[in-house]
Every structure is written in structure tokens, then in C-alpha cells.
Amino acid sequence: MISSGLCLYCSEPIVEGEPLGDVSNGTVHRECLIRMTAGSLGHQQQKCSCFGGQEEDPPGLTVREAARAAADYFDRTAQEDPPPADRFERLDWMERRSGNNERAGDYYDRNGLPLSLGEWARRIEDPNYKRVALTNFGPLAVSTVWLGMDHSFARFLPPGAGADRRPILFETMVFFLDPVTGEWISDDTKHELAGEQHRWHTLEDALAGHETVVQYVKDNILPPEAVESIRDLLTTVYKVEEDQ
């Protein structure tokens, strides 16, 4: 047997030819990856503290043996409930298989109706659905988008705290077109209006808020001659890049 290092999860040797999984900072055994993502045997059987029980890994096992027990159960039940071919539906399948209810109530569509993780992921990749409004002012742009994931911290507060508990689902931000890189950035060290940010509960709020921020930018934007000089600079930068 030839070892190619240690598993980041169980710290046992990784033997050449073993099925493996990759994580952000290294490699793990396949069974360890399943234990990390789908949870312990007790969690998958909904007998852990998440579901009011006390079972996690079977007693008396090493870390890797417990991972094998979790992976064996996962594989066995996957034959009865195979993963969907659609990658978005597969996200919901993984959530269901792992018994993960922690993110329930985190995702909403543009009308504030609840979404599953897979339904949210499908919509967030659709630029036409994500984009609410976009207004350009030369090198500045006011962009309003649907986030879909609740960005409110009020839901973490105890009942009776008096906070608005409606989900925050939209964001308006001011971007600046960097004359050097040609990229839209939100860095206020490049332009004092860049990075101006507001978040909204509803689509109606977002549309009205977008117009408010547009007016704010109009009232504070550079004079026309300054905008024209930036355009000239951008043209020069792009021409130099083309000549090179």
C-alpha cells in the first residue's frame, strides 16, 4: 500500500486507489466526505439532537468507522431515493437526505413566497429574474437586484424584541466604472458615491428605493464636464490596451 497523506477528517492514511473527495483545503476519504456533508448515522436517521433525539455516531467506533457507517446508510437509502439528474433538484434532494431544516424560511421569490434551496438557486442564476432595475450615469450605475436569501438579522432576535421580521430580499447599490480596469466596482475610495447600499423587504420597496437612490446620485453626481473627461480617459485607456 502506498500512502498519499492523511485524511483531513479522520487523520487516517489515504491509500492510493481509495475513493476520495476534495474539500477546500485538502483531501478526505469518500466516506468521510459523506459524513461531513450528509451528517452522522443518527442525523440521517433523524435521531440526533436536531430532531429531539440524542444519537449521533454509533458508540465505540473510530472516526473513520463512524464515517463508514454514515456512508453505508447514505448509499443504501440512495438506492431507494436516487438523486435527480437536474442539478437544482439535486440540491433539494441533498437537503432532504441530510435532514437539514436549518435553512427553512431563508429563501423567497420576488413576491415574498417561500422557496426551496434548489428553487432559489435556479432563479438566482437567471439574470432576467435577478435584475430589478439598472440606471446608468456615465461612469456610475445604480443597480437593484433580487437577493432571494433573507438578509435580515431580526429573525435571530428573541420574540418581542420589536424588530421588523419581514425578510430582506432586495438590494440597491451604486457602482463606478474603474477607468483603469474597465470593471464596475463598489469601492468608495475610487468614487465617493460608489458602494452606496440599501436593502429592501419587498419588490415595491425596491422599485421605489431604486428611484430614490437614482435621484440621490443625480443630485450628487459630477458635473457634465467631469463626466466627459472620464469618458475621454476611458477611451484613452482602451486605445492604449488595443495598441499593445
Protein backbone atom coordinates (compact mmCIF):
# COMPACT_ATOMS: atom_id res chain seq x y z
CA MET A 1 0.00 0.00 0.00
CA ILE A 2 1.22 3.48 -0.88
CA SER A 3 0.04 6.33 1.33
CA SER A 4 -0.52 9.75 -0.17
CA GLY A 5 -1.04 11.66 3.07
CA LEU A 6 -3.62 11.84 5.81
CA CYS A 7 -7.36 12.40 5.54
CA LEU A 8 -8.26 15.86 6.81
CA TYR A 9 -11.33 14.48 8.57
CA CYS A 10 -10.30 11.24 10.29
CA SER A 11 -6.49 11.71 10.19
CA GLU A 12 -6.01 8.14 8.91
CA PRO A 13 -3.73 7.49 5.92
CA ILE A 14 -5.09 7.89 2.41
CA VAL A 15 -4.07 4.83 0.43
CA GLU A 16 -3.50 5.07 -3.30
CA GLY A 17 -6.57 3.89 -5.22
CA GLU A 18 -9.09 4.63 -2.48
CA PRO A 19 -12.18 6.66 -3.47
CA LEU A 20 -11.60 10.19 -2.29
CA GLY A 21 -13.31 13.54 -2.01
CA ASP A 22 -11.88 17.05 -2.22
CA VAL A 23 -12.59 19.80 0.27
CA SER A 24 -11.42 23.42 0.23
CA ASN A 25 -8.11 22.76 1.98
CA GLY A 26 -7.25 19.19 1.03
CA THR A 27 -8.45 15.62 0.52
CA VAL A 28 -10.63 13.25 2.52
CA HIS A 29 -11.86 9.67 2.19
CA ARG A 30 -15.14 9.36 0.32
CA GLU A 31 -16.92 8.07 3.43
CA CYS A 32 -15.53 10.97 5.44
CA LEU A 33 -16.84 13.44 2.87
CA ILE A 34 -20.30 11.88 3.12
CA ARG A 35 -20.12 12.05 6.94
CA MET A 36 -19.15 15.75 6.65
CA THR A 37 -21.97 16.66 4.27
CA ALA A 38 -24.86 14.28 4.99
CA GLY A 39 -24.18 14.04 8.71
CA SER A 40 -23.81 11.22 11.19
CA LEU A 41 -25.81 7.99 11.07
CA GLY A 42 -28.03 9.34 13.84
CA HIS A 43 -28.60 12.58 11.96
CA GLN A 44 -29.55 10.82 8.72
CA GLN A 45 -31.97 8.64 10.68
CA GLN A 46 -33.35 11.79 12.32
CA LYS A 47 -32.44 10.55 15.79
CA CYS A 48 -29.93 13.28 16.69
CA SER A 49 -30.44 16.47 18.71
CA CYS A 50 -31.65 18.27 15.55
CA PHE A 51 -34.78 16.14 15.79
CA GLY A 52 -35.09 15.96 19.56
CA GLY A 53 -33.02 12.80 19.99
CA GLN A 54 -29.52 12.09 21.29
CA GLU A 55 -27.95 9.68 18.79
CA GLU A 56 -25.05 10.73 16.59
CA ASP A 57 -22.28 8.30 15.62
CA PRO A 58 -22.62 4.71 16.86
CA PRO A 59 -20.67 4.27 20.14
CA GLY A 60 -17.33 2.52 20.25
CA LEU A 61 -16.28 3.32 16.68
CA THR A 62 -13.26 5.24 15.43
CA VAL A 63 -13.88 8.44 13.50
CA ARG A 64 -13.43 6.65 10.18
CA GLU A 65 -15.55 3.65 11.21
CA ALA A 66 -18.35 6.06 12.14
CA ALA A 67 -17.90 7.75 8.76
CA ARG A 68 -18.21 4.35 7.04
CA ALA A 69 -21.43 3.67 8.95
CA ALA A 70 -22.84 7.02 7.81
CA ALA A 71 -21.72 6.44 4.20
CA ASP A 72 -23.14 2.90 4.10
CA TYR A 73 -26.53 4.16 5.27
CA PHE A 74 -26.40 7.04 2.79
CA ASP A 75 -25.59 4.72 -0.13
CA ARG A 76 -28.19 2.17 0.87
CA THR A 77 -31.01 4.69 1.12
CA ALA A 78 -29.84 6.47 -2.05
CA GLN A 79 -30.75 3.33 -3.99
CA GLU A 80 -34.31 3.73 -2.76
CA ASP A 81 -34.32 7.51 -3.34
CA PRO A 82 -31.84 8.17 -6.19
CA PRO A 83 -30.53 11.71 -6.82
CA PRO A 84 -32.32 13.69 -9.58
CA ALA A 85 -30.45 14.46 -12.80
CA ASP A 86 -31.34 18.15 -12.56
CA ARG A 87 -28.64 19.90 -10.50
CA PHE A 88 -31.10 22.29 -8.85
CA GLU A 89 -33.44 19.48 -7.84
CA ARG A 90 -30.37 17.65 -6.56
CA LEU A 91 -29.77 20.48 -4.05
CA ASP A 92 -33.22 19.88 -2.58
CA TRP A 93 -32.56 16.14 -2.61
CA MET A 94 -29.38 16.66 -0.57
CA GLU A 95 -31.21 18.93 1.86
CA ARG A 96 -33.92 16.32 2.30
CA ARG A 97 -31.48 13.43 2.61
CA SER A 98 -29.41 15.20 5.23
CA GLY A 99 -32.48 16.23 7.22
CA ASN A 100 -31.23 19.82 7.04
CA ASN A 101 -34.01 22.11 8.21
CA GLU A 102 -31.75 24.94 9.35
CA ARG A 103 -32.26 26.98 6.17
CA ALA A 104 -36.04 26.58 6.03
CA GLY A 105 -37.50 30.07 5.67
CA ASP A 106 -34.30 31.57 4.30
CA TYR A 107 -35.30 31.74 0.62
CA TYR A 108 -38.13 33.70 -1.04
CA ASP A 109 -39.14 34.63 -4.57
CA ARG A 110 -39.66 38.22 -5.78
CA ASN A 111 -43.20 38.17 -4.39
CA GLY A 112 -42.05 37.05 -0.94
CA LEU A 113 -43.25 33.46 -1.33
CA PRO A 114 -41.05 30.73 0.23
CA LEU A 115 -38.62 28.81 -2.00
CA SER A 116 -36.56 25.68 -1.52
CA LEU A 117 -32.79 25.92 -1.89
CA GLY A 118 -32.96 24.40 -5.38
CA GLU A 119 -35.73 26.76 -6.50
CA TRP A 120 -33.73 29.73 -5.22
CA ALA A 121 -30.54 28.54 -6.96
CA ARG A 122 -32.36 28.18 -10.28
CA ARG A 123 -33.72 31.74 -10.09
CA ILE A 124 -30.53 33.40 -8.84
CA GLU A 125 -28.73 32.21 -11.99
CA ASP A 126 -31.35 33.82 -14.23
CA PRO A 127 -30.16 37.42 -14.85
CA ASN A 128 -33.60 38.49 -16.06
CA TYR A 129 -35.19 37.32 -12.82
CA LYS A 130 -32.41 38.65 -10.62
CA ARG A 131 -32.27 42.14 -12.17
CA VAL A 132 -34.93 44.53 -10.87
CA ALA A 133 -33.67 47.85 -12.24
CA LEU A 134 -30.50 49.40 -13.69
CA THR A 135 -29.84 53.08 -14.35
CA ASN A 136 -26.55 54.37 -15.81
CA PHE A 137 -24.97 57.80 -15.37
CA GLY A 138 -21.81 57.63 -17.46
CA PRO A 139 -19.23 56.06 -15.15
CA LEU A 140 -21.84 55.46 -12.42
CA ALA A 141 -24.63 52.90 -12.31
CA VAL A 142 -27.46 52.32 -9.85
CA SER A 143 -28.28 48.61 -9.73
CA THR A 144 -31.16 46.96 -7.88
CA VAL A 145 -31.30 43.17 -7.69
CA TRP A 146 -33.30 40.40 -6.05
CA LEU A 147 -31.20 38.54 -3.49
CA GLY A 148 -33.80 35.92 -2.60
CA MET A 149 -31.95 34.93 0.57
CA ASP A 150 -33.23 36.67 3.68
CA HIS A 151 -30.56 39.20 4.79
CA SER A 152 -32.47 40.34 7.86
CA PHE A 153 -30.91 39.74 11.27
CA ALA A 154 -34.22 40.39 13.03
CA ARG A 155 -35.23 36.74 12.70
CA PHE A 156 -32.39 35.84 15.08
CA LEU A 157 -33.72 38.14 17.79
CA PRO A 158 -35.93 36.81 20.59
CA PRO A 159 -39.71 37.21 20.26
CA GLY A 160 -40.96 40.55 21.50
CA ALA A 161 -37.80 42.43 20.52
CA GLY A 162 -39.94 44.77 18.42
CA ALA A 163 -37.92 44.39 15.21
CA ASP A 164 -39.41 44.19 11.71
CA ARG A 165 -39.19 40.48 10.97
CA ARG A 166 -40.12 40.62 7.30
CA PRO A 167 -37.39 39.09 5.09
CA ILE A 168 -34.98 41.48 3.35
CA LEU A 169 -34.80 40.26 -0.24
CA PHE A 170 -33.59 43.13 -2.46
CA GLU A 171 -30.53 45.34 -2.67
CA THR A 172 -29.71 48.62 -4.39
CA MET A 173 -26.07 49.59 -4.87
CA VAL A 174 -24.12 52.27 -6.71
CA PHE A 175 -21.20 51.11 -8.87
CA PHE A 176 -18.36 53.04 -10.51
CA LEU A 177 -16.69 52.13 -13.79
CA ASP A 178 -12.98 51.97 -12.96
CA PRO A 179 -11.11 53.81 -15.75
CA VAL A 180 -8.04 51.63 -15.30
CA THR A 181 -9.53 48.13 -15.16
CA GLY A 182 -12.79 48.81 -17.00
CA GLU A 183 -14.66 46.94 -14.23
CA TRP A 184 -17.75 48.05 -12.30
CA ILE A 185 -16.71 48.37 -8.65
CA SER A 186 -18.30 49.44 -5.35
CA ASP A 187 -15.15 50.97 -3.86
CA ASP A 188 -15.81 54.40 -2.35
CA THR A 189 -12.10 55.21 -2.45
CA LYS A 190 -12.44 55.31 -6.25
CA HIS A 191 -15.61 57.42 -6.23
CA GLU A 192 -17.43 58.89 -3.25
CA LEU A 193 -20.82 57.58 -4.43
CA ALA A 194 -19.62 54.05 -5.18
CA GLY A 195 -20.73 51.48 -2.64
CA GLU A 196 -23.85 53.36 -1.56
CA GLN A 197 -26.06 50.46 -0.49
CA HIS A 198 -29.65 49.97 0.63
CA ARG A 199 -31.73 46.84 1.16
CA TRP A 200 -35.47 46.35 0.90
CA HIS A 201 -38.20 43.99 2.07
CA THR A 202 -40.49 43.92 -0.99
CA LEU A 203 -40.35 44.39 -4.75
CA GLU A 204 -42.45 47.53 -4.39
CA ASP A 205 -40.00 48.92 -1.82
CA ALA A 206 -37.07 48.01 -4.09
CA LEU A 207 -38.51 49.80 -7.14
CA ALA A 208 -39.32 52.91 -5.12
CA GLY A 209 -35.95 52.75 -3.37
CA HIS A 210 -34.15 52.44 -6.70
CA GLU A 211 -35.71 55.71 -7.87
CA THR A 212 -34.75 57.38 -4.58
CA VAL A 213 -31.11 56.33 -4.99
CA VAL A 214 -31.17 57.39 -8.66
CA GLN A 215 -32.30 60.85 -7.56
CA TYR A 216 -29.61 60.90 -4.87
CA VAL A 217 -26.95 60.15 -7.49
CA LYS A 218 -28.38 62.81 -9.82
CA ASP A 219 -28.17 65.36 -7.02
CA ASN A 220 -24.58 64.47 -6.17
CA ILE A 221 -23.10 63.37 -9.48
CA LEU A 222 -20.08 65.01 -11.05
CA PRO A 223 -20.74 67.94 -13.40
CA PRO A 224 -21.07 67.07 -17.13
CA GLU A 225 -17.55 68.28 -17.97
CA ALA A 226 -16.05 65.94 -15.37
CA VAL A 227 -18.05 63.01 -16.72
CA GLU A 228 -16.84 63.84 -20.23
CA SER A 229 -13.21 63.89 -19.07
CA ILE A 230 -13.64 60.43 -17.52
CA ARG A 231 -15.10 59.13 -20.78
CA ASP A 232 -12.08 60.56 -22.61
CA LEU A 233 -9.79 58.81 -20.12
CA LEU A 234 -11.62 55.51 -20.60
CA THR A 235 -11.30 55.85 -24.38
CA THR A 236 -7.58 56.53 -23.99
CA VAL A 237 -7.07 53.54 -21.68
CA TYR A 238 -8.87 51.17 -24.03
CA LYS A 239 -6.96 52.54 -27.06
CA VAL A 240 -3.63 52.02 -25.29
CA GLU A 241 -4.64 48.42 -24.44
CA GLU A 242 -5.61 47.77 -28.07
CA ASP A 243 -2.33 49.23 -29.35
CA GLN A 244 -0.42 46.93 -27.01
